Amino acid sequence: MGLFPAYIENGIVSEVKQQSVVPREYGIDFKSGQLTGEIVEGLEAIKVWIWFALQIPRYRYYAYTWDYGNEFEELIGQGYSSDYIDSESRRMTEDCLLVNSDIQGISDFQINITGDTLTISFIVNTVYGDIAFQDYAIGR
């Protein structure tokens, strides 16, 4: 009897088929930021995940991995040009959201700078369908 299970010692490694898992999250009221008490699945769960990822600053909380959250705070109060802010906000949004394997890409990205507030609008392309985020404010 060896140290390892027989299927490893004999050189036979069984393949574990990765099953497609439908994402589940707690529902949220996006206007108030309060949990609704419901469990949502699929496209609505991805929408909740995106909302939280856009709310949470990366590297600030130990409860989240360094892959989760955004880095938009780096743009606030720095006096960057609008071209730089445009390219960096696009890159930061992609870095924030594309860590989720259910998100395939981001399209129709637009920014608007009014005073000291940056608002972004974009469409998230997921395996479950597209989600439009309109006028997400950064810097308030």
N, C-alpha and C. Protein backbone atom coordinates (compact mmCIF):
# COMPACT_ATOMS: atom_id res chain seq x y z
N MET A 1 0.84 -1.18 0.00
CA MET A 1 0.00 0.00 0.00
C MET A 1 0.88 1.24 0.00
N GLY A 2 0.62 2.12 -0.93
CA GLY A 2 1.43 3.32 -1.06
C GLY A 2 0.84 4.51 -0.33
N LEU A 3 1.54 5.60 -0.45
CA LEU A 3 1.10 6.83 0.20
C LEU A 3 -0.04 7.51 -0.54
N PHE A 4 -0.13 7.26 -1.85
CA PHE A 4 -1.14 7.93 -2.67
C PHE A 4 -2.26 6.96 -3.02
N PRO A 5 -3.44 7.50 -3.34
CA PRO A 5 -4.52 6.61 -3.78
C PRO A 5 -4.10 5.81 -5.01
N ALA A 6 -4.72 4.67 -5.20
CA ALA A 6 -4.34 3.75 -6.26
C ALA A 6 -4.45 4.38 -7.65
N TYR A 7 -5.43 5.23 -7.87
CA TYR A 7 -5.58 5.79 -9.21
C TYR A 7 -4.43 6.74 -9.56
N ILE A 8 -3.75 7.31 -8.55
CA ILE A 8 -2.60 8.16 -8.84
C ILE A 8 -1.36 7.29 -9.01
N GLU A 9 -1.20 6.30 -8.15
CA GLU A 9 -0.03 5.45 -8.23
C GLU A 9 0.02 4.67 -9.53
N ASN A 10 -1.11 4.28 -10.05
CA ASN A 10 -1.15 3.52 -11.29
C ASN A 10 -1.04 4.41 -12.52
N GLY A 11 -0.91 5.71 -12.31
CA GLY A 11 -0.78 6.62 -13.44
C GLY A 11 -2.10 6.96 -14.11
N ILE A 12 -3.17 6.55 -13.52
CA ILE A 12 -4.48 6.85 -14.10
C ILE A 12 -5.09 7.99 -13.30
N VAL A 13 -5.22 9.12 -13.93
CA VAL A 13 -5.83 10.27 -13.28
C VAL A 13 -7.17 10.51 -13.95
N SER A 14 -8.22 10.36 -13.17
CA SER A 14 -9.54 10.56 -13.76
C SER A 14 -9.79 12.04 -13.98
N GLU A 15 -10.41 12.32 -15.10
CA GLU A 15 -10.73 13.70 -15.41
C GLU A 15 -12.02 14.09 -14.71
N VAL A 16 -11.97 15.21 -14.08
CA VAL A 16 -13.15 15.74 -13.43
C VAL A 16 -13.75 16.75 -14.40
N LYS A 17 -14.92 16.45 -14.85
CA LYS A 17 -15.58 17.36 -15.79
C LYS A 17 -16.11 18.55 -15.02
N GLN A 18 -15.69 19.69 -15.48
CA GLN A 18 -16.14 20.91 -14.83
C GLN A 18 -17.55 21.23 -15.31
N GLN A 19 -18.44 21.23 -14.37
CA GLN A 19 -19.83 21.51 -14.70
C GLN A 19 -20.04 23.01 -14.73
N SER A 20 -20.88 23.43 -15.62
CA SER A 20 -21.23 24.83 -15.72
C SER A 20 -22.09 25.20 -14.51
N VAL A 21 -21.60 26.13 -13.73
CA VAL A 21 -22.30 26.55 -12.53
C VAL A 21 -22.95 27.90 -12.81
N VAL A 22 -24.25 27.96 -12.62
CA VAL A 22 -24.97 29.22 -12.80
C VAL A 22 -24.67 30.11 -11.61
N PRO A 23 -24.20 31.34 -11.85
CA PRO A 23 -23.86 32.22 -10.72
C PRO A 23 -25.09 32.58 -9.90
N ARG A 24 -24.89 32.67 -8.60
CA ARG A 24 -25.96 33.06 -7.67
C ARG A 24 -25.42 34.14 -6.75
N GLU A 25 -26.23 35.14 -6.50
CA GLU A 25 -25.87 36.23 -5.60
C GLU A 25 -27.11 36.64 -4.82
N TYR A 26 -26.91 37.39 -3.76
CA TYR A 26 -28.03 37.99 -3.07
C TYR A 26 -28.49 39.19 -3.89
N GLY A 27 -29.79 39.34 -4.05
CA GLY A 27 -30.33 40.44 -4.82
C GLY A 27 -30.08 41.76 -4.12
N ILE A 28 -30.02 42.82 -4.91
CA ILE A 28 -29.74 44.13 -4.36
C ILE A 28 -30.61 45.17 -5.03
N ASP A 29 -31.04 46.16 -4.27
CA ASP A 29 -31.74 47.32 -4.81
C ASP A 29 -30.64 48.31 -5.20
N PHE A 30 -30.43 48.51 -6.49
CA PHE A 30 -29.30 49.29 -6.96
C PHE A 30 -29.41 50.77 -6.62
N LYS A 31 -30.60 51.27 -6.38
CA LYS A 31 -30.76 52.69 -6.03
C LYS A 31 -30.35 52.95 -4.58
N SER A 32 -30.75 52.06 -3.67
CA SER A 32 -30.45 52.27 -2.25
C SER A 32 -29.18 51.54 -1.81
N GLY A 33 -28.78 50.50 -2.54
CA GLY A 33 -27.63 49.70 -2.15
C GLY A 33 -27.95 48.66 -1.10
N GLN A 34 -29.23 48.47 -0.80
CA GLN A 34 -29.65 47.53 0.23
C GLN A 34 -29.94 46.16 -0.39
N LEU A 35 -29.64 45.12 0.36
CA LEU A 35 -29.97 43.77 -0.07
C LEU A 35 -31.48 43.58 -0.03
N THR A 36 -32.01 42.82 -0.98
CA THR A 36 -33.46 42.61 -1.06
C THR A 36 -33.92 41.36 -0.32
N GLY A 37 -33.00 40.47 0.01
CA GLY A 37 -33.37 39.23 0.67
C GLY A 37 -33.66 38.10 -0.30
N GLU A 38 -33.64 38.39 -1.58
CA GLU A 38 -33.85 37.37 -2.60
C GLU A 38 -32.50 36.81 -3.06
N ILE A 39 -32.55 35.64 -3.65
CA ILE A 39 -31.37 35.07 -4.30
C ILE A 39 -31.64 35.16 -5.80
N VAL A 40 -30.71 35.76 -6.52
CA VAL A 40 -30.86 35.91 -7.97
C VAL A 40 -29.83 35.04 -8.66
N GLU A 41 -30.14 34.63 -9.88
CA GLU A 41 -29.25 33.75 -10.64
C GLU A 41 -29.03 34.29 -12.04
N GLY A 42 -27.99 33.77 -12.67
CA GLY A 42 -27.73 34.07 -14.07
C GLY A 42 -27.36 35.52 -14.31
N LEU A 43 -28.02 36.13 -15.27
CA LEU A 43 -27.71 37.50 -15.69
C LEU A 43 -27.87 38.50 -14.55
N GLU A 44 -28.90 38.34 -13.75
CA GLU A 44 -29.11 39.27 -12.63
C GLU A 44 -28.01 39.11 -11.57
N ALA A 45 -27.52 37.91 -11.36
CA ALA A 45 -26.42 37.68 -10.42
C ALA A 45 -25.13 38.31 -10.92
N ILE A 46 -24.90 38.26 -12.21
CA ILE A 46 -23.71 38.91 -12.78
C ILE A 46 -23.82 40.42 -12.62
N LYS A 47 -25.02 40.95 -12.77
CA LYS A 47 -25.24 42.39 -12.59
C LYS A 47 -24.91 42.81 -11.16
N VAL A 48 -25.31 42.00 -10.18
CA VAL A 48 -24.99 42.28 -8.78
C VAL A 48 -23.47 42.21 -8.57
N TRP A 49 -22.83 41.20 -9.13
CA TRP A 49 -21.38 41.05 -8.99
C TRP A 49 -20.66 42.27 -9.56
N ILE A 50 -21.10 42.74 -10.73
CA ILE A 50 -20.49 43.91 -11.36
C ILE A 50 -20.68 45.14 -10.48
N TRP A 51 -21.88 45.32 -9.96
CA TRP A 51 -22.17 46.48 -9.13
C TRP A 51 -21.24 46.52 -7.92
N PHE A 52 -21.08 45.37 -7.25
CA PHE A 52 -20.19 45.33 -6.10
C PHE A 52 -18.73 45.55 -6.51
N ALA A 53 -18.30 44.98 -7.61
CA ALA A 53 -16.91 45.15 -8.06
C ALA A 53 -16.62 46.62 -8.36
N LEU A 54 -17.61 47.34 -8.88
CA LEU A 54 -17.43 48.76 -9.16
C LEU A 54 -17.50 49.62 -7.90
N GLN A 55 -18.06 49.10 -6.83
CA GLN A 55 -18.18 49.84 -5.57
C GLN A 55 -16.96 49.67 -4.66
N ILE A 56 -16.27 48.56 -4.77
CA ILE A 56 -15.23 48.20 -3.80
C ILE A 56 -13.85 48.56 -4.35
N PRO A 57 -13.11 49.40 -3.63
CA PRO A 57 -11.74 49.72 -4.06
C PRO A 57 -10.83 48.49 -3.93
N ARG A 58 -10.02 48.29 -4.94
CA ARG A 58 -9.09 47.16 -4.92
C ARG A 58 -7.99 47.42 -3.90
N TYR A 59 -7.53 46.38 -3.26
CA TYR A 59 -6.42 46.35 -2.29
C TYR A 59 -6.77 46.95 -0.93
N ARG A 60 -8.00 47.40 -0.71
CA ARG A 60 -8.32 48.05 0.56
C ARG A 60 -8.77 47.08 1.64
N TYR A 61 -9.54 46.07 1.28
CA TYR A 61 -10.13 45.18 2.27
C TYR A 61 -9.53 43.78 2.17
N TYR A 62 -9.18 43.22 3.30
CA TYR A 62 -8.58 41.89 3.34
C TYR A 62 -9.57 40.80 2.95
N ALA A 63 -10.85 41.08 3.01
CA ALA A 63 -11.86 40.08 2.71
C ALA A 63 -11.90 39.72 1.23
N TYR A 64 -11.34 40.58 0.39
CA TYR A 64 -11.37 40.36 -1.06
C TYR A 64 -9.96 40.11 -1.58
N THR A 65 -9.88 39.29 -2.64
CA THR A 65 -8.58 39.06 -3.25
C THR A 65 -8.13 40.32 -3.97
N TRP A 66 -6.87 40.37 -4.34
CA TRP A 66 -6.35 41.54 -5.04
C TRP A 66 -6.85 41.63 -6.48
N ASP A 67 -7.52 40.60 -6.94
CA ASP A 67 -8.10 40.63 -8.28
C ASP A 67 -9.47 41.31 -8.28
N TYR A 68 -10.07 41.49 -7.11
CA TYR A 68 -11.45 41.98 -7.03
C TYR A 68 -11.47 43.46 -6.68
N GLY A 69 -12.33 44.21 -7.34
CA GLY A 69 -12.51 45.62 -7.05
C GLY A 69 -11.97 46.50 -8.16
N ASN A 70 -11.99 47.79 -7.91
CA ASN A 70 -11.56 48.76 -8.93
C ASN A 70 -10.45 49.65 -8.40
N GLU A 71 -9.85 50.39 -9.31
CA GLU A 71 -8.76 51.30 -8.96
C GLU A 71 -9.09 52.73 -9.37
N PHE A 72 -10.35 53.08 -9.43
CA PHE A 72 -10.75 54.40 -9.89
C PHE A 72 -10.25 55.53 -9.00
N GLU A 73 -9.98 55.24 -7.74
CA GLU A 73 -9.50 56.29 -6.84
C GLU A 73 -8.20 56.92 -7.31
N GLU A 74 -7.43 56.20 -8.10
CA GLU A 74 -6.17 56.73 -8.61
C GLU A 74 -6.38 57.89 -9.58
N LEU A 75 -7.58 58.01 -10.13
CA LEU A 75 -7.87 59.09 -11.08
C LEU A 75 -8.36 60.36 -10.40
N ILE A 76 -8.80 60.26 -9.16
CA ILE A 76 -9.43 61.39 -8.48
C ILE A 76 -8.39 62.39 -7.99
N GLY A 77 -8.59 63.64 -8.36
CA GLY A 77 -7.77 64.73 -7.85
C GLY A 77 -6.36 64.80 -8.38
N GLN A 78 -6.07 64.16 -9.48
CA GLN A 78 -4.70 64.12 -10.00
C GLN A 78 -4.43 65.14 -11.10
N GLY A 79 -5.47 65.72 -11.69
CA GLY A 79 -5.27 66.72 -12.73
C GLY A 79 -4.83 66.14 -14.07
N TYR A 80 -5.21 64.90 -14.33
CA TYR A 80 -4.84 64.27 -15.59
C TYR A 80 -5.64 64.87 -16.74
N SER A 81 -5.13 64.72 -17.95
CA SER A 81 -5.84 65.19 -19.13
C SER A 81 -7.05 64.30 -19.39
N SER A 82 -8.02 64.81 -20.14
CA SER A 82 -9.23 64.03 -20.40
C SER A 82 -8.92 62.81 -21.26
N ASP A 83 -7.92 62.89 -22.14
CA ASP A 83 -7.54 61.72 -22.94
C ASP A 83 -6.97 60.62 -22.07
N TYR A 84 -6.14 61.01 -21.10
CA TYR A 84 -5.57 60.02 -20.19
C TYR A 84 -6.66 59.39 -19.33
N ILE A 85 -7.57 60.22 -18.82
CA ILE A 85 -8.67 59.71 -18.00
C ILE A 85 -9.54 58.76 -18.82
N ASP A 86 -9.77 59.10 -20.08
CA ASP A 86 -10.57 58.24 -20.95
C ASP A 86 -9.93 56.86 -21.08
N SER A 87 -8.65 56.83 -21.42
CA SER A 87 -7.99 55.54 -21.64
C SER A 87 -7.83 54.77 -20.33
N GLU A 88 -7.50 55.45 -19.24
CA GLU A 88 -7.30 54.75 -17.97
C GLU A 88 -8.62 54.25 -17.38
N SER A 89 -9.69 55.03 -17.50
CA SER A 89 -10.97 54.56 -16.96
C SER A 89 -11.46 53.34 -17.74
N ARG A 90 -11.20 53.32 -19.04
CA ARG A 90 -11.56 52.16 -19.85
C ARG A 90 -10.74 50.94 -19.42
N ARG A 91 -9.42 51.12 -19.25
CA ARG A 91 -8.55 50.02 -18.83
C ARG A 91 -8.91 49.53 -17.44
N MET A 92 -9.17 50.46 -16.52
CA MET A 92 -9.49 50.08 -15.15
C MET A 92 -10.83 49.33 -15.08
N THR A 93 -11.78 49.73 -15.90
CA THR A 93 -13.07 49.04 -15.93
C THR A 93 -12.88 47.62 -16.44
N GLU A 94 -12.11 47.46 -17.51
CA GLU A 94 -11.85 46.12 -18.04
C GLU A 94 -11.09 45.26 -17.03
N ASP A 95 -10.07 45.83 -16.38
CA ASP A 95 -9.33 45.08 -15.37
C ASP A 95 -10.22 44.66 -14.21
N CYS A 96 -11.15 45.51 -13.86
CA CYS A 96 -12.06 45.23 -12.75
C CYS A 96 -13.03 44.10 -13.09
N LEU A 97 -13.58 44.13 -14.30
CA LEU A 97 -14.68 43.22 -14.62
C LEU A 97 -14.27 41.93 -15.31
N LEU A 98 -13.19 41.93 -16.05
CA LEU A 98 -12.83 40.74 -16.83
C LEU A 98 -12.22 39.62 -16.00
N VAL A 99 -12.09 39.81 -14.68
CA VAL A 99 -11.65 38.70 -13.84
C VAL A 99 -12.76 37.67 -13.66
N ASN A 100 -14.00 38.08 -13.95
CA ASN A 100 -15.13 37.16 -13.87
C ASN A 100 -15.18 36.35 -15.16
N SER A 101 -15.14 35.04 -15.05
CA SER A 101 -15.10 34.19 -16.24
C SER A 101 -16.39 34.21 -17.05
N ASP A 102 -17.48 34.69 -16.47
CA ASP A 102 -18.74 34.79 -17.19
C ASP A 102 -18.84 36.05 -18.05
N ILE A 103 -17.90 36.98 -17.85
CA ILE A 103 -17.90 38.22 -18.62
C ILE A 103 -16.94 38.06 -19.79
N GLN A 104 -17.47 38.28 -20.98
CA GLN A 104 -16.67 38.10 -22.20
C GLN A 104 -16.01 39.38 -22.67
N GLY A 105 -16.59 40.52 -22.39
CA GLY A 105 -16.00 41.77 -22.83
C GLY A 105 -16.86 42.96 -22.47
N ILE A 106 -16.35 44.14 -22.81
CA ILE A 106 -17.04 45.39 -22.56
C ILE A 106 -17.09 46.15 -23.87
N SER A 107 -18.27 46.69 -24.20
CA SER A 107 -18.42 47.43 -25.45
C SER A 107 -19.13 48.75 -25.19
N ASP A 108 -19.13 49.61 -26.19
CA ASP A 108 -19.80 50.92 -26.14
C ASP A 108 -19.41 51.72 -24.91
N PHE A 109 -18.13 51.77 -24.61
CA PHE A 109 -17.64 52.48 -23.44
C PHE A 109 -17.63 53.98 -23.72
N GLN A 110 -18.24 54.76 -22.83
CA GLN A 110 -18.29 56.21 -22.97
C GLN A 110 -18.02 56.85 -21.62
N ILE A 111 -17.34 57.99 -21.64
CA ILE A 111 -17.12 58.73 -20.40
C ILE A 111 -17.66 60.14 -20.57
N ASN A 112 -17.95 60.75 -19.43
CA ASN A 112 -18.37 62.14 -19.40
C ASN A 112 -17.77 62.75 -18.15
N ILE A 113 -17.04 63.85 -18.32
CA ILE A 113 -16.43 64.53 -17.18
C ILE A 113 -17.18 65.84 -16.97
N THR A 114 -17.81 65.97 -15.81
CA THR A 114 -18.53 67.19 -15.46
C THR A 114 -18.02 67.65 -14.10
N GLY A 115 -17.32 68.76 -14.09
CA GLY A 115 -16.74 69.24 -12.83
C GLY A 115 -15.72 68.24 -12.32
N ASP A 116 -15.95 67.77 -11.11
CA ASP A 116 -15.03 66.78 -10.53
C ASP A 116 -15.63 65.38 -10.52
N THR A 117 -16.66 65.17 -11.35
CA THR A 117 -17.30 63.86 -11.41
C THR A 117 -17.10 63.24 -12.79
N LEU A 118 -16.64 62.02 -12.77
CA LEU A 118 -16.48 61.23 -14.00
C LEU A 118 -17.61 60.22 -14.02
N THR A 119 -18.38 60.21 -15.10
CA THR A 119 -19.41 59.19 -15.26
C THR A 119 -19.06 58.32 -16.45
N ILE A 120 -19.25 57.02 -16.28
CA ILE A 120 -18.97 56.08 -17.36
C ILE A 120 -20.23 55.31 -17.68
N SER A 121 -20.37 54.97 -18.94
CA SER A 121 -21.47 54.13 -19.42
C SER A 121 -20.86 53.07 -20.32
N PHE A 122 -21.38 51.86 -20.23
CA PHE A 122 -20.83 50.77 -21.04
C PHE A 122 -21.81 49.62 -21.06
N ILE A 123 -21.54 48.68 -21.94
CA ILE A 123 -22.32 47.45 -22.02
C ILE A 123 -21.38 46.29 -21.71
N VAL A 124 -21.80 45.44 -20.79
CA VAL A 124 -21.02 44.26 -20.43
C VAL A 124 -21.59 43.08 -21.21
N ASN A 125 -20.73 42.42 -21.95
CA ASN A 125 -21.12 41.24 -22.73
C ASN A 125 -20.79 40.00 -21.90
N THR A 126 -21.85 39.25 -21.51
CA THR A 126 -21.66 38.07 -20.69
C THR A 126 -22.14 36.84 -21.45
N VAL A 127 -21.88 35.68 -20.88
CA VAL A 127 -22.35 34.44 -21.49
C VAL A 127 -23.86 34.31 -21.37
N TYR A 128 -24.48 35.11 -20.51
CA TYR A 128 -25.93 35.06 -20.31
C TYR A 128 -26.68 36.17 -21.04
N GLY A 129 -25.95 37.09 -21.66
CA GLY A 129 -26.56 38.21 -22.36
C GLY A 129 -25.82 39.50 -22.03
N ASP A 130 -26.32 40.61 -22.54
CA ASP A 130 -25.67 41.90 -22.34
C ASP A 130 -26.35 42.67 -21.21
N ILE A 131 -25.53 43.46 -20.49
CA ILE A 131 -26.03 44.30 -19.41
C ILE A 131 -25.54 45.72 -19.67
N ALA A 132 -26.44 46.67 -19.69
CA ALA A 132 -26.08 48.08 -19.89
C ALA A 132 -25.93 48.77 -18.55
N PHE A 133 -24.81 49.43 -18.35
CA PHE A 133 -24.60 50.28 -17.17
C PHE A 133 -24.53 51.70 -17.66
N GLN A 134 -25.46 52.52 -17.19
CA GLN A 134 -25.57 53.89 -17.64
C GLN A 134 -25.20 54.84 -16.50
N ASP A 135 -24.33 55.79 -16.80
CA ASP A 135 -24.01 56.90 -15.90
C ASP A 135 -23.56 56.45 -14.53
N TYR A 136 -22.59 55.55 -14.47
CA TYR A 136 -22.00 55.15 -13.20
C TYR A 136 -21.01 56.24 -12.81
N ALA A 137 -21.25 56.90 -11.69
CA ALA A 137 -20.46 58.07 -11.27
C ALA A 137 -19.25 57.66 -10.46
N ILE A 138 -18.12 58.29 -10.78
CA ILE A 138 -16.87 58.09 -10.06
C ILE A 138 -16.43 59.47 -9.55
N GLY A 139 -16.11 59.57 -8.28
CA GLY A 139 -15.58 60.82 -7.76
C GLY A 139 -16.56 61.66 -6.98
N ARG A 140 -17.66 61.10 -6.60
CA ARG A 140 -18.60 61.86 -5.77
C ARG A 140 -18.29 61.67 -4.33
